[in-house]
Amino acid sequence: MKKIALAAAFAGAASSAFAGGMSAPVMEMAPAVVVEETKSSSSSSGLIIPLILIALVAVAVSQK
């Protein structure tokens, strides 16, 4: 008897969750945000990797 009452309570709760029918979908406009990235350049940014490679080659040559 308790199981039947519990099942009836769950069925009643589930049916009331869908009350009201379908409503029209609401479309919201996305905010117009423009993000511009600026590239900062410096004169030494292109020199770091070649200098590291030259140093590694120099260390490798001096070890022989």
C-alpha atoms as a PDB file:
ATOM      1  CA  MET A   1       0.000   0.000   0.000  1.00  0.00           C
ATOM      2  CA  LYS A   2       2.886   2.371   0.797  1.00  0.00           C
ATOM      3  CA  LYS A   3       4.460   1.705  -2.601  1.00  0.00           C
ATOM      4  CA  ILE A   4       1.246   2.538  -4.419  1.00  0.00           C
ATOM      5  CA  ALA A   5       0.897   5.823  -2.517  1.00  0.00           C
ATOM      6  CA  LEU A   6       4.547   6.682  -3.208  1.00  0.00           C
ATOM      7  CA  ALA A   7       4.131   5.906  -6.911  1.00  0.00           C
ATOM      8  CA  ALA A   8       1.001   8.059  -7.058  1.00  0.00           C
ATOM      9  CA  ALA A   9       2.842  10.933  -5.376  1.00  0.00           C
ATOM     10  CA  PHE A  10       5.715  10.708  -7.872  1.00  0.00           C
ATOM     11  CA  ALA A  11       3.284  10.540 -10.798  1.00  0.00           C
ATOM     12  CA  GLY A  12       1.430  13.599  -9.540  1.00  0.00           C
ATOM     13  CA  ALA A  13       4.648  15.544  -9.044  1.00  0.00           C
ATOM     14  CA  ALA A  14       5.929  14.603 -12.499  1.00  0.00           C
ATOM     15  CA  SER A  15       2.729  15.612 -14.272  1.00  0.00           C
ATOM     16  CA  SER A  16       2.601  19.028 -12.613  1.00  0.00           C
ATOM     17  CA  ALA A  17       6.141  19.764 -13.718  1.00  0.00           C
ATOM     18  CA  PHE A  18       4.977  19.988 -17.341  1.00  0.00           C
ATOM     19  CA  ALA A  19       1.919  22.156 -16.673  1.00  0.00           C
ATOM     20  CA  GLY A  20       1.596  25.305 -18.738  1.00  0.00           C
ATOM     21  CA  GLY A  21       2.285  23.987 -22.199  1.00  0.00           C
ATOM     22  CA  MET A  22       4.932  25.186 -24.597  1.00  0.00           C
ATOM     23  CA  SER A  23       5.872  28.831 -24.820  1.00  0.00           C
ATOM     24  CA  ALA A  24       7.478  30.615 -27.736  1.00  0.00           C
ATOM     25  CA  PRO A  25      11.281  30.543 -27.655  1.00  0.00           C
ATOM     26  CA  VAL A  26      12.934  33.813 -26.692  1.00  0.00           C
ATOM     27  CA  MET A  27      15.851  34.821 -28.871  1.00  0.00           C
ATOM     28  CA  GLU A  28      18.329  37.164 -27.247  1.00  0.00           C
ATOM     29  CA  MET A  29      20.742  39.268 -29.217  1.00  0.00           C
ATOM     30  CA  ALA A  30      24.370  38.542 -28.511  1.00  0.00           C
ATOM     31  CA  PRO A  31      26.328  41.572 -27.353  1.00  0.00           C
ATOM     32  CA  ALA A  32      28.506  43.006 -30.114  1.00  0.00           C
ATOM     33  CA  VAL A  33      31.959  42.899 -28.615  1.00  0.00           C
ATOM     34  CA  VAL A  34      34.965  43.377 -30.860  1.00  0.00           C
ATOM     35  CA  VAL A  35      38.306  42.365 -29.430  1.00  0.00           C
ATOM     36  CA  GLU A  36      41.372  43.629 -31.216  1.00  0.00           C
ATOM     37  CA  GLU A  37      44.713  42.164 -30.313  1.00  0.00           C
ATOM     38  CA  THR A  38      47.728  44.330 -30.760  1.00  0.00           C
ATOM     39  CA  LYS A  39      51.064  42.710 -31.318  1.00  0.00           C
ATOM     40  CA  SER A  40      53.891  44.218 -29.398  1.00  0.00           C
ATOM     41  CA  SER A  41      57.210  43.807 -31.099  1.00  0.00           C
ATOM     42  CA  SER A  42      60.651  44.323 -29.752  1.00  0.00           C
ATOM     43  CA  SER A  43      63.988  44.149 -31.453  1.00  0.00           C
ATOM     44  CA  SER A  44      65.289  41.300 -29.286  1.00  0.00           C
ATOM     45  CA  SER A  45      62.302  38.962 -29.638  1.00  0.00           C
ATOM     46  CA  GLY A  46      63.708  37.349 -32.782  1.00  0.00           C
ATOM     47  CA  LEU A  47      67.198  36.932 -31.342  1.00  0.00           C
ATOM     48  CA  ILE A  48      66.576  34.812 -28.252  1.00  0.00           C
ATOM     49  CA  ILE A  49      66.074  31.416 -29.929  1.00  0.00           C
ATOM     50  CA  PRO A  50      69.026  31.717 -32.350  1.00  0.00           C
ATOM     51  CA  LEU A  51      71.296  32.810 -29.486  1.00  0.00           C
ATOM     52  CA  ILE A  52      70.251  29.783 -27.434  1.00  0.00           C
ATOM     53  CA  LEU A  53      70.907  27.483 -30.403  1.00  0.00           C
ATOM     54  CA  ILE A  54      74.366  29.016 -30.984  1.00  0.00           C
ATOM     55  CA  ALA A  55      75.183  28.573 -27.288  1.00  0.00           C
ATOM     56  CA  LEU A  56      74.103  24.905 -27.396  1.00  0.00           C
ATOM     57  CA  VAL A  57      76.223  24.267 -30.494  1.00  0.00           C
ATOM     58  CA  ALA A  58      79.195  25.984 -28.858  1.00  0.00           C
ATOM     59  CA  VAL A  59      78.825  23.810 -25.738  1.00  0.00           C
ATOM     60  CA  ALA A  60      78.514  20.658 -27.853  1.00  0.00           C
ATOM     61  CA  VAL A  61      81.656  21.527 -29.872  1.00  0.00           C
ATOM     62  CA  SER A  62      83.689  22.331 -26.774  1.00  0.00           C
ATOM     63  CA  GLN A  63      82.844  18.949 -25.186  1.00  0.00           C
ATOM     64  CA  LYS A  64      84.572  16.967 -27.981  1.00  0.00           C
END
